Amino acid sequence: MGVKGRRVHVGVVASGDLEVLLEPREDTVSVVTITTRIEGHEATWRSVLERFFARHDKSVRIHINDFGATPGMVGLRLEQAMELCINDNDSHDNGPKTFEPR
C-alpha cells in the first residue's frame, strides 16, 4: 500500500549514528538501499527491516547512510522517519522534512 506523505530526512552520518531518507511510493513495492562500510551484518539489517515492514505495511523508498549504528538506533531512525512522513499530510509545503538529533 502506498504512503501519503512527504520525503523526510532523519539522523546524521556520524560516529555510531546514521541518516535515513524516506519517501512515499505509489507502487506496492518498497525499495531499500543501505550504504555502510561495516561488512558482515546482512542478517542483522534484514531482521531490522523485516520488523519495520511488519509494523508498517506501506510502500516507501528508503536510503540509509550508516556509520556504525546499532540495530536499535536503526529501528529508532526508521520509526522517526515513518512518523514524520505519515503525520505531516496536512501541510501545504511539499519540501522535505528534517529531524536532526540535538
N, C-alpha and C. Protein backbone atom coordinates (compact mmCIF):
# COMPACT_ATOMS: atom_id res chain seq x y z
N MET A 1 0.84 -1.17 0.00
CA MET A 1 0.00 0.00 0.00
C MET A 1 0.89 1.24 0.00
N GLY A 2 0.61 2.18 -0.85
CA GLY A 2 1.39 3.41 -0.91
C GLY A 2 1.15 4.31 0.30
N VAL A 3 2.11 5.14 0.59
CA VAL A 3 2.04 6.07 1.71
C VAL A 3 1.71 7.45 1.19
N LYS A 4 0.75 8.12 1.81
CA LYS A 4 0.53 9.53 1.51
C LYS A 4 1.38 10.28 2.52
N GLY A 5 2.23 11.11 2.04
CA GLY A 5 3.11 11.85 2.93
C GLY A 5 4.16 12.58 2.12
N ARG A 6 5.27 12.85 2.77
CA ARG A 6 6.32 13.61 2.12
C ARG A 6 7.66 12.94 2.36
N ARG A 7 8.63 13.36 1.60
CA ARG A 7 10.00 12.88 1.75
C ARG A 7 10.55 13.44 3.05
N VAL A 8 11.26 12.59 3.82
CA VAL A 8 11.81 13.03 5.09
C VAL A 8 13.27 12.60 5.23
N HIS A 9 13.96 13.29 6.13
CA HIS A 9 15.36 13.02 6.42
C HIS A 9 15.52 13.05 7.93
N VAL A 10 16.03 11.95 8.51
CA VAL A 10 16.28 11.93 9.96
C VAL A 10 17.70 11.43 10.22
N GLY A 11 18.28 11.90 11.32
CA GLY A 11 19.60 11.47 11.73
C GLY A 11 20.71 12.18 10.99
N VAL A 12 21.93 11.83 11.37
CA VAL A 12 23.14 12.38 10.75
C VAL A 12 24.14 11.26 10.56
N VAL A 13 24.98 11.41 9.55
CA VAL A 13 26.04 10.44 9.35
C VAL A 13 27.20 10.86 10.24
N ALA A 14 27.32 10.19 11.38
CA ALA A 14 28.37 10.49 12.34
C ALA A 14 28.67 9.21 13.11
N SER A 15 29.71 9.22 13.85
CA SER A 15 30.14 8.04 14.59
C SER A 15 28.99 7.44 15.39
N GLY A 16 28.67 6.19 15.12
CA GLY A 16 27.64 5.47 15.84
C GLY A 16 26.23 5.86 15.48
N ASP A 17 26.03 6.58 14.40
CA ASP A 17 24.69 7.01 14.01
C ASP A 17 24.49 6.72 12.52
N LEU A 18 23.39 7.18 11.99
CA LEU A 18 23.09 7.02 10.58
C LEU A 18 22.05 8.04 10.18
N GLU A 19 21.89 8.21 8.87
CA GLU A 19 20.80 9.04 8.39
C GLU A 19 19.89 8.16 7.56
N VAL A 20 18.61 8.48 7.64
CA VAL A 20 17.59 7.76 6.89
C VAL A 20 16.85 8.78 6.03
N LEU A 21 16.79 8.51 4.75
CA LEU A 21 15.99 9.29 3.81
C LEU A 21 14.84 8.40 3.40
N LEU A 22 13.62 8.84 3.64
CA LEU A 22 12.44 8.02 3.36
C LEU A 22 11.47 8.85 2.54
N GLU A 23 10.92 8.24 1.51
CA GLU A 23 9.92 8.93 0.71
C GLU A 23 8.82 7.96 0.30
N PRO A 24 7.60 8.46 0.20
CA PRO A 24 6.48 7.61 -0.17
C PRO A 24 6.61 7.11 -1.60
N ARG A 25 6.00 5.95 -1.84
CA ARG A 25 5.92 5.40 -3.20
C ARG A 25 4.47 5.07 -3.49
N GLU A 26 4.06 5.30 -4.71
CA GLU A 26 2.70 4.94 -5.14
C GLU A 26 2.63 3.46 -5.47
N ASP A 27 3.76 2.86 -5.73
CA ASP A 27 3.88 1.46 -6.09
C ASP A 27 3.52 0.57 -4.89
N THR A 28 3.50 -0.73 -5.09
CA THR A 28 3.20 -1.65 -3.99
C THR A 28 4.46 -2.29 -3.43
N VAL A 29 5.62 -1.89 -3.94
CA VAL A 29 6.89 -2.49 -3.52
C VAL A 29 7.77 -1.41 -2.89
N SER A 30 8.35 -1.75 -1.75
CA SER A 30 9.31 -0.83 -1.12
C SER A 30 10.71 -1.10 -1.66
N VAL A 31 11.53 -0.06 -1.67
CA VAL A 31 12.91 -0.17 -2.14
C VAL A 31 13.81 0.36 -1.04
N VAL A 32 14.81 -0.44 -0.64
CA VAL A 32 15.72 -0.04 0.42
C VAL A 32 17.15 -0.13 -0.10
N THR A 33 17.91 0.95 0.10
CA THR A 33 19.33 0.99 -0.24
C THR A 33 20.10 1.32 1.03
N ILE A 34 21.12 0.52 1.33
CA ILE A 34 21.93 0.74 2.52
C ILE A 34 23.37 0.98 2.09
N THR A 35 23.94 2.09 2.55
CA THR A 35 25.34 2.39 2.31
C THR A 35 26.06 2.33 3.65
N THR A 36 26.99 1.40 3.78
CA THR A 36 27.72 1.23 5.03
C THR A 36 29.12 0.69 4.73
N ARG A 37 30.05 0.98 5.61
CA ARG A 37 31.40 0.45 5.48
C ARG A 37 31.57 -0.80 6.36
N ILE A 38 30.56 -1.10 7.17
CA ILE A 38 30.59 -2.24 8.06
C ILE A 38 30.17 -3.48 7.28
N GLU A 39 31.00 -4.49 7.25
CA GLU A 39 30.70 -5.71 6.50
C GLU A 39 30.22 -6.83 7.41
N GLY A 40 29.48 -7.76 6.82
CA GLY A 40 29.12 -8.98 7.53
C GLY A 40 27.87 -8.90 8.38
N HIS A 41 27.03 -7.89 8.20
CA HIS A 41 25.84 -7.76 9.03
C HIS A 41 24.55 -7.81 8.22
N GLU A 42 24.57 -8.52 7.10
CA GLU A 42 23.39 -8.60 6.24
C GLU A 42 22.20 -9.16 7.00
N ALA A 43 22.41 -10.21 7.81
CA ALA A 43 21.30 -10.83 8.55
C ALA A 43 20.70 -9.84 9.56
N THR A 44 21.54 -9.03 10.18
CA THR A 44 21.05 -8.04 11.14
C THR A 44 20.22 -6.98 10.43
N TRP A 45 20.73 -6.48 9.30
CA TRP A 45 19.97 -5.48 8.53
C TRP A 45 18.63 -6.06 8.11
N ARG A 46 18.65 -7.29 7.59
CA ARG A 46 17.42 -7.94 7.13
C ARG A 46 16.41 -8.04 8.29
N SER A 47 16.87 -8.44 9.46
CA SER A 47 16.00 -8.58 10.62
C SER A 47 15.36 -7.26 11.03
N VAL A 48 16.17 -6.20 11.09
CA VAL A 48 15.65 -4.87 11.46
C VAL A 48 14.60 -4.42 10.44
N LEU A 49 14.89 -4.60 9.17
CA LEU A 49 13.96 -4.16 8.12
C LEU A 49 12.69 -5.01 8.11
N GLU A 50 12.80 -6.30 8.37
CA GLU A 50 11.61 -7.15 8.42
C GLU A 50 10.70 -6.73 9.57
N ARG A 51 11.27 -6.40 10.72
CA ARG A 51 10.47 -5.92 11.85
C ARG A 51 9.78 -4.60 11.50
N PHE A 52 10.52 -3.70 10.85
CA PHE A 52 9.96 -2.41 10.47
C PHE A 52 8.77 -2.60 9.52
N PHE A 53 8.95 -3.41 8.48
CA PHE A 53 7.88 -3.58 7.50
C PHE A 53 6.73 -4.43 8.04
N ALA A 54 6.95 -5.23 9.06
CA ALA A 54 5.86 -5.96 9.71
C ALA A 54 4.94 -4.98 10.43
N ARG A 55 5.50 -3.88 10.94
CA ARG A 55 4.71 -2.85 11.63
C ARG A 55 4.09 -1.86 10.65
N HIS A 56 4.74 -1.64 9.52
CA HIS A 56 4.30 -0.62 8.57
C HIS A 56 4.12 -1.25 7.19
N ASP A 57 2.88 -1.56 6.87
CA ASP A 57 2.56 -2.15 5.57
C ASP A 57 2.39 -1.02 4.56
N LYS A 58 3.48 -0.34 4.27
CA LYS A 58 3.46 0.82 3.38
C LYS A 58 4.56 0.66 2.33
N SER A 59 4.34 1.26 1.19
CA SER A 59 5.36 1.27 0.13
C SER A 59 6.16 2.55 0.22
N VAL A 60 7.45 2.41 0.47
CA VAL A 60 8.34 3.55 0.61
C VAL A 60 9.68 3.26 -0.06
N ARG A 61 10.40 4.32 -0.33
CA ARG A 61 11.80 4.20 -0.76
C ARG A 61 12.63 4.69 0.43
N ILE A 62 13.58 3.86 0.84
CA ILE A 62 14.44 4.20 1.98
C ILE A 62 15.89 4.12 1.54
N HIS A 63 16.62 5.16 1.86
CA HIS A 63 18.07 5.15 1.67
C HIS A 63 18.71 5.38 3.03
N ILE A 64 19.56 4.45 3.44
CA ILE A 64 20.23 4.53 4.74
C ILE A 64 21.72 4.73 4.51
N ASN A 65 22.26 5.79 5.12
CA ASN A 65 23.71 6.02 5.14
C ASN A 65 24.17 5.74 6.56
N ASP A 66 24.86 4.61 6.74
CA ASP A 66 25.21 4.12 8.06
C ASP A 66 26.65 4.45 8.42
N PHE A 67 26.86 4.76 9.69
CA PHE A 67 28.21 4.97 10.21
C PHE A 67 28.36 4.18 11.51
N GLY A 68 27.99 2.90 11.45
CA GLY A 68 28.18 2.00 12.59
C GLY A 68 27.08 2.05 13.63
N ALA A 69 25.87 2.39 13.22
CA ALA A 69 24.75 2.46 14.17
C ALA A 69 24.36 1.07 14.65
N THR A 70 23.88 0.99 15.89
CA THR A 70 23.38 -0.26 16.43
C THR A 70 22.02 -0.58 15.82
N PRO A 71 21.59 -1.85 15.87
CA PRO A 71 20.27 -2.18 15.35
C PRO A 71 19.16 -1.37 16.02
N GLY A 72 19.29 -1.09 17.30
CA GLY A 72 18.29 -0.28 18.00
C GLY A 72 18.20 1.13 17.43
N MET A 73 19.35 1.72 17.12
CA MET A 73 19.37 3.06 16.53
C MET A 73 18.78 3.04 15.13
N VAL A 74 19.06 1.99 14.36
CA VAL A 74 18.49 1.88 13.02
C VAL A 74 16.96 1.84 13.12
N GLY A 75 16.44 1.02 14.02
CA GLY A 75 14.99 0.92 14.20
C GLY A 75 14.38 2.25 14.63
N LEU A 76 15.05 2.95 15.54
CA LEU A 76 14.58 4.25 16.00
C LEU A 76 14.50 5.25 14.86
N ARG A 77 15.55 5.34 14.06
CA ARG A 77 15.56 6.29 12.94
C ARG A 77 14.49 5.95 11.91
N LEU A 78 14.30 4.65 11.64
CA LEU A 78 13.25 4.26 10.69
C LEU A 78 11.87 4.67 11.21
N GLU A 79 11.62 4.45 12.50
CA GLU A 79 10.34 4.84 13.08
C GLU A 79 10.15 6.35 13.04
N GLN A 80 11.21 7.11 13.35
CA GLN A 80 11.12 8.58 13.29
C GLN A 80 10.78 9.03 11.87
N ALA A 81 11.45 8.44 10.89
CA ALA A 81 11.22 8.82 9.50
C ALA A 81 9.78 8.53 9.08
N MET A 82 9.28 7.35 9.42
CA MET A 82 7.91 6.99 9.03
C MET A 82 6.90 7.90 9.73
N GLU A 83 7.12 8.20 10.99
CA GLU A 83 6.21 9.08 11.72
C GLU A 83 6.15 10.46 11.07
N LEU A 84 7.31 11.02 10.74
CA LEU A 84 7.33 12.33 10.07
C LEU A 84 6.64 12.27 8.72
N CYS A 85 6.85 11.20 8.01
CA CYS A 85 6.29 11.06 6.66
C CYS A 85 4.77 10.99 6.70
N ILE A 86 4.21 10.15 7.56
CA ILE A 86 2.76 9.93 7.52
C ILE A 86 1.96 10.92 8.36
N ASN A 87 2.60 11.59 9.31
CA ASN A 87 1.87 12.50 10.17
C ASN A 87 1.94 13.95 9.72
N ASP A 88 2.44 14.20 8.55
CA ASP A 88 2.55 15.57 8.06
C ASP A 88 1.76 15.75 6.77
N ASN A 89 0.69 14.99 6.62
CA ASN A 89 -0.11 15.05 5.39
C ASN A 89 -0.83 16.36 5.18
N ASP A 90 -1.12 17.10 6.25
CA ASP A 90 -1.93 18.31 6.12
C ASP A 90 -1.14 19.54 5.70
N SER A 91 0.17 19.41 5.65
CA SER A 91 1.00 20.56 5.30
C SER A 91 0.87 20.86 3.81
N HIS A 92 0.87 22.14 3.47
CA HIS A 92 0.83 22.53 2.06
C HIS A 92 2.22 22.74 1.49
N ASP A 93 3.23 22.70 2.34
CA ASP A 93 4.62 22.83 1.91
C ASP A 93 5.10 21.45 1.49
N ASN A 94 5.48 21.28 0.23
CA ASN A 94 5.87 19.97 -0.28
C ASN A 94 7.36 19.70 -0.18
N GLY A 95 8.11 20.53 0.51
CA GLY A 95 9.54 20.30 0.68
C GLY A 95 9.81 19.19 1.68
N PRO A 96 11.05 18.72 1.75
CA PRO A 96 11.37 17.63 2.67
C PRO A 96 11.32 18.10 4.13
N LYS A 97 10.98 17.18 5.03
CA LYS A 97 11.01 17.42 6.46
C LYS A 97 12.32 16.83 7.00
N THR A 98 12.92 17.51 7.97
CA THR A 98 14.17 17.04 8.53
C THR A 98 14.08 17.01 10.04
N PHE A 99 14.59 15.94 10.64
CA PHE A 99 14.72 15.83 12.08
C PHE A 99 16.18 15.51 12.36
N GLU A 100 16.84 16.35 13.13
CA GLU A 100 18.23 16.09 13.49
C GLU A 100 18.31 16.06 15.00
N PRO A 101 18.97 15.02 15.54
CA PRO A 101 19.10 14.93 16.99
C PRO A 101 19.94 16.07 17.53
N ARG A 102 19.67 16.45 18.78
CA ARG A 102 20.43 17.53 19.40
C ARG A 102 21.53 16.96 20.23
